[in-house]
Amino acid sequence: MLGAFDRIAETPEQGPEIEPGIRRMLLQRFPYGLLYAVEPERILVLTVMHLRRRPGYWRGRGR
């Protein structure tokens, strides 16, 4: 998973935007993904999730 963090830190816009302001990076161990938001001063990791189980569960989480 460290490789995904490194890739996001280098070029945060490379992950496709799946919702306004939310991007996804696929992890090497598919079907896991990392959801994150790019903010002016930081990159906020929202969740590491299994992409085939309960796909929208993270939406109810506050920032």
N, C-alpha and C. Protein backbone atom coordinates (compact mmCIF):
# COMPACT_ATOMS: atom_id res chain seq x y z
N MET A 1 0.83 -1.19 0.00
CA MET A 1 0.00 0.00 0.00
C MET A 1 0.87 1.25 0.00
N LEU A 2 2.09 1.15 0.47
CA LEU A 2 2.97 2.31 0.50
C LEU A 2 3.19 2.86 -0.90
N GLY A 3 3.24 2.00 -1.90
CA GLY A 3 3.41 2.46 -3.28
C GLY A 3 2.29 3.37 -3.71
N ALA A 4 1.07 3.09 -3.30
CA ALA A 4 -0.07 3.93 -3.65
C ALA A 4 0.06 5.30 -3.00
N PHE A 5 0.49 5.35 -1.74
CA PHE A 5 0.69 6.63 -1.07
C PHE A 5 1.77 7.45 -1.79
N ASP A 6 2.83 6.79 -2.19
CA ASP A 6 3.90 7.48 -2.91
C ASP A 6 3.40 8.04 -4.24
N ARG A 7 2.64 7.24 -4.99
CA ARG A 7 2.10 7.70 -6.27
C ARG A 7 1.16 8.88 -6.08
N ILE A 8 0.31 8.84 -5.05
CA ILE A 8 -0.61 9.94 -4.79
C ILE A 8 0.17 11.20 -4.39
N ALA A 9 1.19 11.04 -3.56
CA ALA A 9 1.98 12.20 -3.12
C ALA A 9 2.69 12.86 -4.30
N GLU A 10 3.16 12.07 -5.26
CA GLU A 10 3.87 12.62 -6.42
C GLU A 10 2.93 13.33 -7.38
N THR A 11 1.82 12.69 -7.72
CA THR A 11 0.86 13.26 -8.67
C THR A 11 -0.56 12.95 -8.21
N PRO A 12 -1.10 13.76 -7.31
CA PRO A 12 -2.40 13.46 -6.73
C PRO A 12 -3.56 13.45 -7.73
N GLU A 13 -3.42 14.14 -8.85
CA GLU A 13 -4.52 14.19 -9.81
C GLU A 13 -4.59 12.98 -10.72
N GLN A 14 -3.68 12.02 -10.56
CA GLN A 14 -3.68 10.86 -11.45
C GLN A 14 -4.84 9.91 -11.20
N GLY A 15 -5.36 9.87 -9.99
CA GLY A 15 -6.50 9.00 -9.69
C GLY A 15 -7.76 9.56 -10.30
N PRO A 16 -8.59 8.73 -10.92
CA PRO A 16 -9.82 9.25 -11.53
C PRO A 16 -10.78 9.79 -10.47
N GLU A 17 -11.45 10.85 -10.80
CA GLU A 17 -12.43 11.45 -9.90
C GLU A 17 -13.72 10.65 -10.02
N ILE A 18 -14.12 9.99 -8.93
CA ILE A 18 -15.32 9.15 -8.97
C ILE A 18 -16.55 9.91 -8.52
N GLU A 19 -16.34 10.99 -7.78
CA GLU A 19 -17.38 11.94 -7.38
C GLU A 19 -16.68 13.28 -7.27
N PRO A 20 -17.41 14.38 -7.28
CA PRO A 20 -16.73 15.68 -7.18
C PRO A 20 -15.83 15.75 -5.94
N GLY A 21 -14.53 15.95 -6.16
CA GLY A 21 -13.57 16.09 -5.09
C GLY A 21 -13.05 14.79 -4.50
N ILE A 22 -13.53 13.64 -4.97
CA ILE A 22 -13.11 12.33 -4.44
C ILE A 22 -12.43 11.55 -5.57
N ARG A 23 -11.22 11.09 -5.29
CA ARG A 23 -10.47 10.32 -6.28
C ARG A 23 -10.20 8.91 -5.76
N ARG A 24 -9.91 8.00 -6.68
CA ARG A 24 -9.65 6.61 -6.32
C ARG A 24 -8.33 6.14 -6.91
N MET A 25 -7.56 5.44 -6.11
CA MET A 25 -6.33 4.81 -6.57
C MET A 25 -6.48 3.32 -6.32
N LEU A 26 -6.33 2.51 -7.36
CA LEU A 26 -6.38 1.06 -7.18
C LEU A 26 -5.09 0.59 -6.53
N LEU A 27 -5.22 -0.34 -5.62
CA LEU A 27 -4.06 -0.90 -4.95
C LEU A 27 -3.58 -2.13 -5.70
N GLN A 28 -2.34 -2.53 -5.46
CA GLN A 28 -1.78 -3.69 -6.13
C GLN A 28 -2.59 -4.94 -5.84
N ARG A 29 -3.11 -5.04 -4.64
CA ARG A 29 -3.90 -6.21 -4.26
C ARG A 29 -5.36 -5.96 -4.62
N PHE A 30 -5.66 -5.95 -5.92
CA PHE A 30 -7.03 -5.76 -6.39
C PHE A 30 -7.92 -6.82 -5.77
N PRO A 31 -9.11 -6.56 -5.35
CA PRO A 31 -9.98 -5.43 -5.64
C PRO A 31 -10.04 -4.39 -4.54
N TYR A 32 -8.91 -3.94 -4.05
CA TYR A 32 -8.90 -2.90 -3.03
C TYR A 32 -8.54 -1.56 -3.65
N GLY A 33 -9.11 -0.52 -3.09
CA GLY A 33 -8.84 0.82 -3.58
C GLY A 33 -8.70 1.80 -2.42
N LEU A 34 -8.09 2.91 -2.71
CA LEU A 34 -7.88 3.97 -1.74
C LEU A 34 -8.65 5.18 -2.24
N LEU A 35 -9.57 5.69 -1.43
CA LEU A 35 -10.32 6.89 -1.79
C LEU A 35 -9.71 8.06 -1.05
N TYR A 36 -9.51 9.17 -1.77
CA TYR A 36 -8.85 10.32 -1.17
C TYR A 36 -9.36 11.62 -1.79
N ALA A 37 -9.13 12.70 -1.07
CA ALA A 37 -9.49 14.03 -1.53
C ALA A 37 -8.23 14.88 -1.52
N VAL A 38 -8.05 15.68 -2.57
CA VAL A 38 -6.91 16.58 -2.66
C VAL A 38 -7.36 17.95 -2.16
N GLU A 39 -6.73 18.40 -1.09
CA GLU A 39 -7.03 19.71 -0.50
C GLU A 39 -5.82 20.60 -0.68
N PRO A 40 -5.96 21.92 -0.51
CA PRO A 40 -4.83 22.83 -0.76
C PRO A 40 -3.58 22.50 0.05
N GLU A 41 -3.72 22.11 1.29
CA GLU A 41 -2.56 21.88 2.15
C GLU A 41 -2.28 20.41 2.46
N ARG A 42 -3.16 19.51 2.00
CA ARG A 42 -2.98 18.10 2.35
C ARG A 42 -3.76 17.20 1.40
N ILE A 43 -3.45 15.92 1.51
CA ILE A 43 -4.22 14.89 0.83
C ILE A 43 -4.91 14.10 1.93
N LEU A 44 -6.22 14.06 1.88
CA LEU A 44 -7.01 13.43 2.92
C LEU A 44 -7.44 12.04 2.44
N VAL A 45 -6.96 11.00 3.12
CA VAL A 45 -7.36 9.63 2.80
C VAL A 45 -8.69 9.37 3.50
N LEU A 46 -9.70 9.03 2.71
CA LEU A 46 -11.03 8.80 3.26
C LEU A 46 -11.21 7.36 3.72
N THR A 47 -10.77 6.43 2.90
CA THR A 47 -10.92 5.02 3.26
C THR A 47 -10.09 4.14 2.35
N VAL A 48 -9.75 2.98 2.86
CA VAL A 48 -9.21 1.89 2.05
C VAL A 48 -10.33 0.87 2.02
N MET A 49 -10.77 0.51 0.83
CA MET A 49 -11.98 -0.31 0.76
C MET A 49 -11.87 -1.44 -0.25
N HIS A 50 -12.67 -2.46 0.02
CA HIS A 50 -12.86 -3.55 -0.93
C HIS A 50 -13.85 -3.03 -1.96
N LEU A 51 -13.49 -3.05 -3.22
CA LEU A 51 -14.29 -2.40 -4.25
C LEU A 51 -15.55 -3.18 -4.66
N ARG A 52 -15.70 -4.39 -4.18
CA ARG A 52 -16.87 -5.17 -4.57
C ARG A 52 -17.83 -5.44 -3.43
N ARG A 53 -17.53 -4.96 -2.24
CA ARG A 53 -18.40 -5.15 -1.09
C ARG A 53 -18.92 -3.80 -0.63
N ARG A 54 -20.23 -3.69 -0.49
CA ARG A 54 -20.85 -2.47 0.00
C ARG A 54 -20.20 -1.23 -0.62
N PRO A 55 -20.31 -1.05 -1.91
CA PRO A 55 -19.53 -0.01 -2.60
C PRO A 55 -19.76 1.42 -2.14
N GLY A 56 -20.91 1.77 -1.62
CA GLY A 56 -21.14 3.16 -1.24
C GLY A 56 -21.13 3.43 0.25
N TYR A 57 -20.62 2.50 1.05
CA TYR A 57 -20.70 2.66 2.50
C TYR A 57 -19.95 3.88 3.02
N TRP A 58 -18.94 4.32 2.33
CA TRP A 58 -18.10 5.42 2.79
C TRP A 58 -18.78 6.77 2.66
N ARG A 59 -19.84 6.88 1.87
CA ARG A 59 -20.48 8.17 1.62
C ARG A 59 -21.06 8.81 2.88
N GLY A 60 -21.47 8.01 3.84
CA GLY A 60 -22.07 8.56 5.05
C GLY A 60 -21.06 9.05 6.09
N ARG A 61 -19.80 8.88 5.81
CA ARG A 61 -18.77 9.28 6.77
C ARG A 61 -18.50 10.77 6.65
N GLY A 62 -18.39 11.43 7.79
CA GLY A 62 -18.10 12.86 7.80
C GLY A 62 -16.64 13.14 7.57
N ARG A 63 -16.33 14.37 7.24
CA ARG A 63 -14.93 14.77 7.03
C ARG A 63 -14.35 15.24 8.31
